[in-house]
Amino acid sequence: MIQRLHTTERLSKIVKYNGVAYFCGQVGDGDTVAAQTTDCLARVDDLLTQVGSNRENILQAIIWVADIDDVAEMNAVWNAWIPQGHAPARACSEAKLGRAELKVEIIITAACP
């Protein structure tokens, strides 16, 4: 059975199916790439908790940065956040994000053991 959580007319923040949780794109507040990444990952932590999962169960991360030159700054926050030995499959690319002030957006897929 497919379970949809925090659903609006446009999207569900979480879709669970067969023990896997798919999160919608997460963005964060702040003026810097590091601040937005930190806030974004705090939101991911909250969603993981809601589905009974954690960082060690992340299967995949898709990350967009508004400026590819900011990847090192984003990676510094990411590397400190992800548990050593539990790095997910990951892609990172430059993209024009939904609002001019956004610098980072992250989509997570996680197992729900």
N, C-alpha and C. Protein backbone atom coordinates (compact mmCIF):
# COMPACT_ATOMS: atom_id res chain seq x y z
N MET A 1 0.83 -1.17 0.00
CA MET A 1 0.00 0.00 0.00
C MET A 1 0.89 1.25 0.00
N ILE A 2 0.54 2.21 -0.81
CA ILE A 2 1.26 3.49 -0.86
C ILE A 2 0.69 4.40 0.23
N GLN A 3 1.58 5.00 1.00
CA GLN A 3 1.18 5.93 2.06
C GLN A 3 1.75 7.30 1.73
N ARG A 4 0.90 8.32 1.71
CA ARG A 4 1.31 9.69 1.40
C ARG A 4 1.10 10.55 2.64
N LEU A 5 2.14 11.29 3.01
CA LEU A 5 2.09 12.11 4.22
C LEU A 5 2.29 13.58 3.86
N HIS A 6 1.57 14.44 4.58
CA HIS A 6 1.67 15.90 4.38
C HIS A 6 1.39 16.24 2.91
N THR A 7 0.24 15.78 2.44
CA THR A 7 -0.13 15.93 1.03
C THR A 7 -0.91 17.22 0.81
N THR A 8 -0.54 17.92 -0.25
CA THR A 8 -1.27 19.10 -0.71
C THR A 8 -1.77 18.80 -2.12
N GLU A 9 -2.36 19.78 -2.75
CA GLU A 9 -2.82 19.58 -4.13
C GLU A 9 -1.65 19.36 -5.09
N ARG A 10 -0.46 19.80 -4.71
CA ARG A 10 0.70 19.73 -5.59
C ARG A 10 1.64 18.58 -5.30
N LEU A 11 1.81 18.23 -4.02
CA LEU A 11 2.83 17.23 -3.68
C LEU A 11 2.57 16.62 -2.32
N SER A 12 3.26 15.54 -2.08
CA SER A 12 3.33 14.94 -0.74
C SER A 12 4.76 15.13 -0.26
N LYS A 13 4.94 15.53 0.99
CA LYS A 13 6.30 15.67 1.51
C LYS A 13 6.99 14.32 1.61
N ILE A 14 6.19 13.28 1.88
CA ILE A 14 6.74 11.93 2.02
C ILE A 14 5.79 10.97 1.31
N VAL A 15 6.36 10.04 0.55
CA VAL A 15 5.60 8.92 0.01
C VAL A 15 6.34 7.66 0.44
N LYS A 16 5.61 6.75 1.12
CA LYS A 16 6.20 5.48 1.57
C LYS A 16 5.60 4.34 0.77
N TYR A 17 6.49 3.41 0.38
CA TYR A 17 6.03 2.23 -0.35
C TYR A 17 7.05 1.12 -0.15
N ASN A 18 6.58 -0.04 0.24
CA ASN A 18 7.45 -1.22 0.40
C ASN A 18 8.69 -0.95 1.25
N GLY A 19 8.53 -0.24 2.35
CA GLY A 19 9.65 0.00 3.25
C GLY A 19 10.64 1.05 2.80
N VAL A 20 10.25 1.84 1.81
CA VAL A 20 11.11 2.92 1.33
C VAL A 20 10.34 4.23 1.39
N ALA A 21 11.01 5.29 1.87
CA ALA A 21 10.40 6.62 1.94
C ALA A 21 11.06 7.53 0.91
N TYR A 22 10.24 8.21 0.15
CA TYR A 22 10.69 9.16 -0.86
C TYR A 22 10.29 10.55 -0.37
N PHE A 23 11.26 11.44 -0.22
CA PHE A 23 10.98 12.79 0.27
C PHE A 23 10.95 13.77 -0.89
N CYS A 24 10.09 14.77 -0.79
CA CYS A 24 10.10 15.84 -1.77
C CYS A 24 11.38 16.67 -1.56
N GLY A 25 11.68 17.52 -2.50
CA GLY A 25 12.87 18.36 -2.40
C GLY A 25 12.82 19.24 -1.16
N GLN A 26 13.93 19.27 -0.44
CA GLN A 26 14.04 20.06 0.77
C GLN A 26 14.97 21.25 0.53
N VAL A 27 14.55 22.41 0.98
CA VAL A 27 15.37 23.62 0.91
C VAL A 27 15.49 24.16 2.33
N GLY A 28 16.40 25.09 2.52
CA GLY A 28 16.61 25.64 3.85
C GLY A 28 16.65 27.16 3.83
N ASP A 29 16.59 27.71 5.03
CA ASP A 29 16.68 29.16 5.20
C ASP A 29 18.13 29.54 5.47
N GLY A 30 18.45 30.79 5.20
CA GLY A 30 19.77 31.32 5.48
C GLY A 30 20.33 32.07 4.29
N ASP A 31 21.38 32.83 4.56
CA ASP A 31 21.97 33.67 3.53
C ASP A 31 23.14 33.01 2.81
N THR A 32 23.68 31.92 3.37
CA THR A 32 24.83 31.27 2.77
C THR A 32 24.48 29.84 2.37
N VAL A 33 25.33 29.26 1.54
CA VAL A 33 25.15 27.87 1.15
C VAL A 33 25.22 26.97 2.38
N ALA A 34 26.18 27.24 3.26
CA ALA A 34 26.33 26.43 4.48
C ALA A 34 25.09 26.53 5.36
N ALA A 35 24.56 27.73 5.54
CA ALA A 35 23.37 27.91 6.38
C ALA A 35 22.17 27.20 5.78
N GLN A 36 21.97 27.35 4.48
CA GLN A 36 20.83 26.69 3.83
C GLN A 36 20.98 25.18 3.87
N THR A 37 22.19 24.68 3.66
CA THR A 37 22.41 23.23 3.70
C THR A 37 22.15 22.70 5.10
N THR A 38 22.62 23.38 6.12
CA THR A 38 22.41 22.97 7.50
C THR A 38 20.92 22.91 7.82
N ASP A 39 20.18 23.95 7.43
CA ASP A 39 18.74 23.98 7.70
C ASP A 39 18.01 22.91 6.89
N CYS A 40 18.40 22.73 5.66
CA CYS A 40 17.80 21.71 4.80
C CYS A 40 17.98 20.33 5.41
N LEU A 41 19.19 20.02 5.88
CA LEU A 41 19.46 18.71 6.46
C LEU A 41 18.74 18.52 7.80
N ALA A 42 18.50 19.58 8.53
CA ALA A 42 17.69 19.49 9.74
C ALA A 42 16.26 19.09 9.38
N ARG A 43 15.76 19.60 8.27
CA ARG A 43 14.43 19.22 7.80
C ARG A 43 14.40 17.75 7.37
N VAL A 44 15.48 17.31 6.74
CA VAL A 44 15.59 15.90 6.37
C VAL A 44 15.57 15.03 7.62
N ASP A 45 16.32 15.45 8.66
CA ASP A 45 16.31 14.70 9.93
C ASP A 45 14.90 14.55 10.47
N ASP A 46 14.11 15.63 10.40
CA ASP A 46 12.74 15.58 10.89
C ASP A 46 11.90 14.60 10.07
N LEU A 47 12.05 14.63 8.76
CA LEU A 47 11.29 13.69 7.91
C LEU A 47 11.72 12.25 8.17
N LEU A 48 13.01 12.03 8.34
CA LEU A 48 13.49 10.68 8.65
C LEU A 48 12.85 10.17 9.95
N THR A 49 12.80 11.02 10.96
CA THR A 49 12.18 10.64 12.24
C THR A 49 10.71 10.29 12.04
N GLN A 50 10.02 11.06 11.21
CA GLN A 50 8.59 10.81 10.97
C GLN A 50 8.33 9.44 10.36
N VAL A 51 9.27 8.91 9.62
CA VAL A 51 9.07 7.60 8.99
C VAL A 51 9.81 6.49 9.73
N GLY A 52 10.34 6.80 10.91
CA GLY A 52 11.02 5.79 11.71
C GLY A 52 12.37 5.38 11.15
N SER A 53 13.03 6.31 10.47
CA SER A 53 14.32 6.01 9.86
C SER A 53 15.38 6.95 10.41
N ASN A 54 16.57 6.90 9.84
CA ASN A 54 17.66 7.78 10.27
C ASN A 54 18.68 7.92 9.14
N ARG A 55 19.70 8.71 9.39
CA ARG A 55 20.72 9.00 8.37
C ARG A 55 21.41 7.75 7.85
N GLU A 56 21.57 6.76 8.67
CA GLU A 56 22.26 5.53 8.25
C GLU A 56 21.46 4.75 7.21
N ASN A 57 20.17 5.06 7.08
CA ASN A 57 19.30 4.33 6.15
C ASN A 57 19.02 5.09 4.86
N ILE A 58 19.73 6.19 4.63
CA ILE A 58 19.54 6.94 3.39
C ILE A 58 20.12 6.12 2.24
N LEU A 59 19.30 5.91 1.23
CA LEU A 59 19.71 5.14 0.07
C LEU A 59 20.28 6.02 -1.04
N GLN A 60 19.65 7.18 -1.25
CA GLN A 60 20.04 8.04 -2.35
C GLN A 60 19.81 9.50 -1.97
N ALA A 61 20.70 10.36 -2.46
CA ALA A 61 20.53 11.81 -2.32
C ALA A 61 20.76 12.44 -3.69
N ILE A 62 19.87 13.33 -4.05
CA ILE A 62 20.03 14.13 -5.26
C ILE A 62 20.12 15.58 -4.79
N ILE A 63 21.21 16.23 -5.13
CA ILE A 63 21.47 17.58 -4.64
C ILE A 63 21.64 18.52 -5.81
N TRP A 64 20.95 19.65 -5.73
CA TRP A 64 21.13 20.71 -6.70
C TRP A 64 21.68 21.94 -5.98
N VAL A 65 22.64 22.57 -6.60
CA VAL A 65 23.15 23.85 -6.11
C VAL A 65 22.92 24.89 -7.20
N ALA A 66 22.62 26.10 -6.79
CA ALA A 66 22.36 27.15 -7.76
C ALA A 66 23.63 27.55 -8.50
N ASP A 67 24.78 27.40 -7.83
CA ASP A 67 26.07 27.73 -8.43
C ASP A 67 27.04 26.59 -8.12
N ILE A 68 27.53 25.93 -9.14
CA ILE A 68 28.41 24.77 -8.94
C ILE A 68 29.66 25.14 -8.16
N ASP A 69 30.04 26.40 -8.16
CA ASP A 69 31.21 26.83 -7.39
C ASP A 69 30.97 26.71 -5.88
N ASP A 70 29.72 26.50 -5.47
CA ASP A 70 29.38 26.37 -4.04
C ASP A 70 29.39 24.93 -3.54
N VAL A 71 29.76 23.98 -4.39
CA VAL A 71 29.72 22.57 -4.00
C VAL A 71 30.62 22.29 -2.80
N ALA A 72 31.79 22.86 -2.76
CA ALA A 72 32.71 22.60 -1.64
C ALA A 72 32.09 23.06 -0.32
N GLU A 73 31.45 24.20 -0.31
CA GLU A 73 30.80 24.70 0.91
C GLU A 73 29.65 23.79 1.33
N MET A 74 28.85 23.35 0.37
CA MET A 74 27.77 22.42 0.66
C MET A 74 28.32 21.10 1.16
N ASN A 75 29.38 20.58 0.48
CA ASN A 75 29.98 19.31 0.87
C ASN A 75 30.53 19.34 2.29
N ALA A 76 31.07 20.45 2.73
CA ALA A 76 31.60 20.55 4.09
C ALA A 76 30.50 20.27 5.11
N VAL A 77 29.31 20.80 4.88
CA VAL A 77 28.18 20.55 5.78
C VAL A 77 27.70 19.11 5.61
N TRP A 78 27.54 18.67 4.38
CA TRP A 78 27.07 17.31 4.09
C TRP A 78 27.99 16.28 4.74
N ASN A 79 29.29 16.42 4.53
CA ASN A 79 30.26 15.43 5.04
C ASN A 79 30.23 15.32 6.56
N ALA A 80 29.98 16.43 7.24
CA ALA A 80 29.88 16.40 8.70
C ALA A 80 28.56 15.78 9.15
N TRP A 81 27.54 15.83 8.31
CA TRP A 81 26.20 15.36 8.67
C TRP A 81 26.01 13.87 8.42
N ILE A 82 26.53 13.36 7.32
CA ILE A 82 26.29 11.96 6.96
C ILE A 82 27.20 11.06 7.80
N PRO A 83 26.67 10.01 8.41
CA PRO A 83 27.50 9.13 9.25
C PRO A 83 28.58 8.42 8.41
N GLN A 84 29.78 8.41 8.95
CA GLN A 84 30.88 7.75 8.25
C GLN A 84 30.52 6.30 7.97
N GLY A 85 30.81 5.87 6.75
CA GLY A 85 30.52 4.51 6.34
C GLY A 85 29.10 4.30 5.85
N HIS A 86 28.29 5.36 5.84
CA HIS A 86 26.88 5.23 5.43
C HIS A 86 26.53 6.23 4.32
N ALA A 87 27.50 6.60 3.51
CA ALA A 87 27.23 7.54 2.42
C ALA A 87 26.28 6.88 1.41
N PRO A 88 25.23 7.58 1.02
CA PRO A 88 24.28 7.03 0.04
C PRO A 88 24.80 7.20 -1.38
N ALA A 89 24.12 6.58 -2.33
CA ALA A 89 24.33 6.92 -3.73
C ALA A 89 23.93 8.39 -3.86
N ARG A 90 24.72 9.16 -4.60
CA ARG A 90 24.47 10.60 -4.61
C ARG A 90 24.80 11.21 -5.96
N ALA A 91 24.00 12.18 -6.35
CA ALA A 91 24.28 12.99 -7.53
C ALA A 91 24.21 14.45 -7.10
N CYS A 92 25.02 15.28 -7.71
CA CYS A 92 25.02 16.71 -7.40
C CYS A 92 25.23 17.47 -8.70
N SER A 93 24.39 18.46 -8.92
CA SER A 93 24.47 19.21 -10.17
C SER A 93 24.03 20.65 -9.94
N GLU A 94 24.43 21.51 -10.84
CA GLU A 94 23.99 22.90 -10.83
C GLU A 94 22.61 22.98 -11.48
N ALA A 95 21.73 23.78 -10.89
CA ALA A 95 20.40 23.96 -11.46
C ALA A 95 19.83 25.31 -11.06
N LYS A 96 18.98 25.83 -11.89
CA LYS A 96 18.24 27.03 -11.53
C LYS A 96 17.12 26.57 -10.60
N LEU A 97 17.14 27.04 -9.36
CA LEU A 97 16.18 26.59 -8.35
C LEU A 97 14.91 27.44 -8.40
N GLY A 98 13.90 27.03 -7.66
CA GLY A 98 12.56 27.61 -7.75
C GLY A 98 12.43 29.07 -7.35
N ARG A 99 13.32 29.56 -6.48
CA ARG A 99 13.31 30.96 -6.06
C ARG A 99 14.74 31.49 -6.09
N ALA A 100 14.90 32.74 -6.40
CA ALA A 100 16.23 33.34 -6.58
C ALA A 100 17.11 33.21 -5.34
N GLU A 101 16.50 33.24 -4.15
CA GLU A 101 17.30 33.20 -2.91
C GLU A 101 17.78 31.80 -2.55
N LEU A 102 17.24 30.78 -3.20
CA LEU A 102 17.64 29.41 -2.88
C LEU A 102 19.00 29.08 -3.48
N LYS A 103 19.82 28.41 -2.67
CA LYS A 103 21.16 28.03 -3.09
C LYS A 103 21.34 26.52 -3.16
N VAL A 104 20.50 25.75 -2.43
CA VAL A 104 20.64 24.30 -2.33
C VAL A 104 19.25 23.67 -2.24
N GLU A 105 19.07 22.53 -2.91
CA GLU A 105 17.87 21.72 -2.75
C GLU A 105 18.31 20.26 -2.74
N ILE A 106 17.72 19.48 -1.84
CA ILE A 106 18.13 18.08 -1.68
C ILE A 106 16.89 17.18 -1.66
N ILE A 107 16.95 16.10 -2.42
CA ILE A 107 15.93 15.05 -2.39
C ILE A 107 16.56 13.80 -1.81
N ILE A 108 15.85 13.18 -0.89
CA ILE A 108 16.35 11.99 -0.19
C ILE A 108 15.38 10.83 -0.41
N THR A 109 15.95 9.64 -0.58
CA THR A 109 15.21 8.39 -0.55
C THR A 109 15.84 7.55 0.56
N ALA A 110 15.01 7.00 1.45
CA ALA A 110 15.55 6.27 2.60
C ALA A 110 14.76 4.99 2.87
N ALA A 111 15.49 3.99 3.36
CA ALA A 111 14.83 2.76 3.81
C ALA A 111 14.19 3.02 5.15
N CYS A 112 13.06 2.36 5.38
CA CYS A 112 12.35 2.44 6.66
C CYS A 112 12.34 1.04 7.26
N PRO A 113 13.39 0.71 8.02
CA PRO A 113 13.50 -0.66 8.54
C PRO A 113 12.40 -1.01 9.54
